[in-house]
Protein backbone atom coordinates (compact mmCIF):
# COMPACT_ATOMS: atom_id res chain seq x y z
CA MET A 1 -8.70 5.17 -16.47
CA GLY A 2 -12.42 5.07 -17.53
CA THR A 3 -16.02 4.07 -15.49
CA ARG A 4 -15.13 0.38 -13.94
CA PRO A 5 -13.07 1.07 -10.18
CA TYR A 6 -9.76 2.11 -10.24
CA SER A 7 -6.90 -0.73 -9.42
CA VAL A 8 -5.17 0.42 -6.81
CA LEU A 9 -1.54 -2.21 -5.59
CA PHE A 10 0.31 -1.32 -2.38
CA ILE A 11 3.73 -2.54 -2.33
CA CYS A 12 6.49 -3.55 0.53
CA THR A 13 8.81 -5.86 0.58
CA GLY A 14 7.29 -8.82 3.34
CA ASN A 15 3.59 -8.12 2.76
CA SER A 16 2.55 -8.04 6.15
CA ALA A 17 1.61 -5.14 7.59
CA ARG A 18 1.48 -2.03 5.90
CA SER A 19 0.93 -3.24 3.02
CA ILE A 20 -2.05 -5.12 4.20
CA ILE A 21 -3.20 -2.71 6.03
CA ALA A 22 -3.05 -0.17 3.02
CA GLU A 23 -5.44 -2.71 1.29
CA ALA A 24 -7.68 -3.17 3.54
CA LEU A 25 -8.69 0.43 3.75
CA LEU A 26 -8.95 1.54 1.15
CA ASN A 27 -11.12 -1.71 0.28
CA SER A 28 -13.17 -0.16 2.91
CA PHE A 29 -13.71 3.61 2.56
CA GLY A 30 -13.32 3.44 -1.38
CA ARG A 31 -16.81 2.13 -0.90
CA GLY A 32 -16.83 0.69 -4.53
CA ARG A 33 -14.58 3.42 -6.49
CA PHE A 34 -11.66 1.37 -5.56
CA THR A 35 -10.25 -2.01 -5.73
CA ALA A 36 -7.50 -2.00 -3.79
CA PHE A 37 -4.58 -5.19 -3.44
CA SER A 38 -1.27 -5.47 -1.95
CA ALA A 39 1.68 -7.28 -2.34
CA GLY A 40 5.54 -7.89 -1.66
CA SER A 41 8.52 -8.57 -2.95
CA ALA A 42 9.66 -11.06 -0.81
CA PRO A 43 6.17 -12.13 0.96
CA ARG A 44 6.46 -13.73 4.36
CA GLY A 45 3.64 -15.77 3.58
CA ALA A 46 1.13 -15.16 6.11
CA VAL A 47 -0.39 -11.43 7.08
CA HIS A 48 1.22 -10.60 10.87
CA PRO A 49 -1.65 -11.28 13.66
CA GLU A 50 -1.07 -7.54 14.84
CA THR A 51 -2.28 -6.78 11.35
CA LEU A 52 -4.86 -8.30 11.43
CA ALA A 53 -6.29 -7.64 14.99
CA LEU A 54 -5.73 -3.98 14.62
CA LEU A 55 -7.96 -4.18 11.68
CA ARG A 56 -10.67 -6.43 13.66
CA ARG A 57 -10.49 -3.75 15.96
CA ASN A 58 -11.53 -1.08 13.73
CA ARG A 59 -14.22 -3.32 12.18
CA ILE A 60 -12.08 -3.94 9.01
CA ASP A 61 -12.99 -6.31 7.45
CA VAL A 62 -10.14 -9.05 6.50
CA SER A 63 -11.33 -11.82 4.52
CA GLY A 64 -9.29 -12.42 1.93
CA LEU A 65 -6.06 -10.74 3.20
CA ARG A 66 -2.67 -12.91 1.88
CA SER A 67 0.58 -12.66 1.97
CA LYS A 68 1.28 -12.16 -1.37
CA SER A 69 4.10 -11.69 -4.10
CA TRP A 70 4.17 -9.22 -6.18
CA ASP A 71 4.52 -11.41 -9.88
CA GLU A 72 1.65 -12.57 -9.33
CA PHE A 73 0.14 -8.27 -10.44
CA ALA A 74 2.80 -8.82 -13.27
CA THR A 75 1.25 -11.52 -15.62
CA SER A 76 -1.16 -10.69 -18.75
CA ASP A 77 -4.24 -12.21 -16.85
CA ALA A 78 -4.08 -10.05 -13.45
CA PRO A 79 -6.30 -7.12 -12.90
CA GLN A 80 -4.59 -3.28 -15.15
CA MET A 81 -2.95 -1.07 -12.14
CA ASP A 82 -4.55 2.59 -12.52
CA PHE A 83 -2.32 3.47 -8.86
CA ILE A 84 0.84 1.81 -7.64
CA PHE A 85 2.07 2.69 -4.22
CA THR A 86 5.14 1.96 -2.35
CA VAL A 87 4.40 2.01 1.11
CA CYS A 88 8.38 0.83 2.37
CA ASP A 89 11.57 2.52 1.28
CA LYS A 90 13.12 -1.59 0.63
CA ALA A 91 10.53 -1.72 -2.20
CA ALA A 92 10.58 1.66 -3.43
CA GLY A 93 14.40 0.83 -4.15
CA GLU A 94 14.04 -2.59 -5.25
CA GLN A 95 13.23 -2.63 -9.33
CA CYS A 96 9.98 -3.70 -9.89
CA PRO A 97 8.28 -5.90 -12.71
CA VAL A 98 7.27 -3.89 -15.68
CA TRP A 99 3.69 -3.19 -15.15
CA LEU A 100 1.05 -3.24 -17.52
CA GLY A 101 -1.33 0.00 -18.72
CA HIS A 102 1.28 2.59 -17.25
CA PRO A 103 0.13 2.76 -14.18
CA VAL A 104 0.16 6.55 -12.06
CA THR A 105 2.72 5.52 -9.38
CA ALA A 106 4.42 6.95 -6.17
CA HIS A 107 6.09 5.96 -2.73
CA TRP A 108 4.51 6.97 0.22
CA GLY A 109 6.87 5.26 2.93
CA PHE A 110 5.74 4.54 6.97
CA ALA A 111 7.54 3.13 9.46
CA ASP A 112 8.03 -0.62 9.50
CA PRO A 113 5.61 -1.58 12.95
CA ALA A 114 6.09 -5.81 12.16
CA ALA A 115 10.38 -4.69 13.09
CA VAL A 116 8.88 -3.36 16.48
CA VAL A 117 10.82 -5.54 19.58
CA GLY A 118 8.54 -5.37 22.30
CA ASP A 119 4.84 -5.90 22.31
CA VAL A 120 3.04 -2.52 23.84
CA GLU A 121 5.92 -0.74 21.63
CA ARG A 122 4.76 -2.71 18.12
CA GLU A 123 1.45 -2.01 19.14
CA ARG A 124 1.59 1.38 19.96
CA VAL A 125 3.27 1.91 16.16
CA PHE A 126 0.87 -0.35 14.45
CA GLU A 127 -1.61 2.10 15.33
CA ARG A 128 0.48 5.24 14.69
CA VAL A 129 1.33 3.75 11.22
CA TYR A 130 -3.03 2.43 10.73
CA GLU A 131 -4.02 6.27 11.82
CA GLU A 132 -1.32 7.53 8.73
CA ILE A 133 -2.32 5.21 5.74
CA ALA A 134 -5.92 6.65 6.80
CA ALA A 135 -5.30 10.02 6.89
CA ARG A 136 -2.88 9.41 3.36
CA LEU A 137 -5.90 7.72 1.67
CA HIS A 138 -8.26 9.88 2.66
CA LEU A 139 -6.63 12.65 0.71
CA PHE A 140 -6.05 10.54 -1.71
CA ILE A 141 -9.98 9.30 -1.71
CA ALA A 142 -10.59 13.32 -2.46
CA LEU A 143 -8.82 14.02 -4.85
CA PRO A 144 -10.82 14.73 -8.71
CA ILE A 145 -9.31 11.96 -10.52
CA GLU A 146 -11.41 12.24 -13.11
CA THR A 147 -11.26 15.78 -13.67
CA LEU A 148 -6.85 15.77 -13.14
CA ASP A 149 -4.80 15.01 -16.44
CA ARG A 150 -1.86 11.99 -16.30
CA ALA A 151 1.22 14.73 -15.12
CA SER A 152 -1.37 16.65 -12.54
CA LEU A 153 -2.33 13.42 -10.84
CA GLN A 154 0.79 12.12 -11.19
CA HIS A 155 1.97 15.57 -8.98
CA ARG A 156 -0.88 15.08 -6.30
CA VAL A 157 -0.16 11.34 -5.23
CA ALA A 158 3.72 11.67 -5.43
CA ALA A 159 2.87 14.69 -3.30
CA MET A 160 1.49 13.07 -0.76
CA GLY A 161 4.04 10.63 0.02
CA ARG A 162 6.50 14.01 0.82
CA ALA A 163 3.97 15.49 3.20
């Protein structure tokens, strides 16, 4: 994987909440060791307002965040991904594009906060999902990626999704 920052793509169907949160958090927590992106199989075209509000409340940079298609990352001129994580069950079951470079992949499912009805309950679920994603990313960042062989790395990131 070399000396460049590790590229990580988070995929969700709508690319408006979970994958956006993961992208923003990893770019914040990763401190240059990781470059995170997010995309959707059927992007909504806009980031959910509660996603942006939540990230701002937690002092996470939201500049540049946008809802986009995974097609942007399946072209020959797209950044080559080292890791690709699906963060919603629907996206995990979809036929994904062929990713260049054979990235390590795993499914890390989280509840969909954007689907929750009721402002108070939705905000509560957004907060919970934010904390769950943050915890998972801290575990991921702590992995000794440089010293693990591909099979071990694949096993470890997949196990994180089952925990």
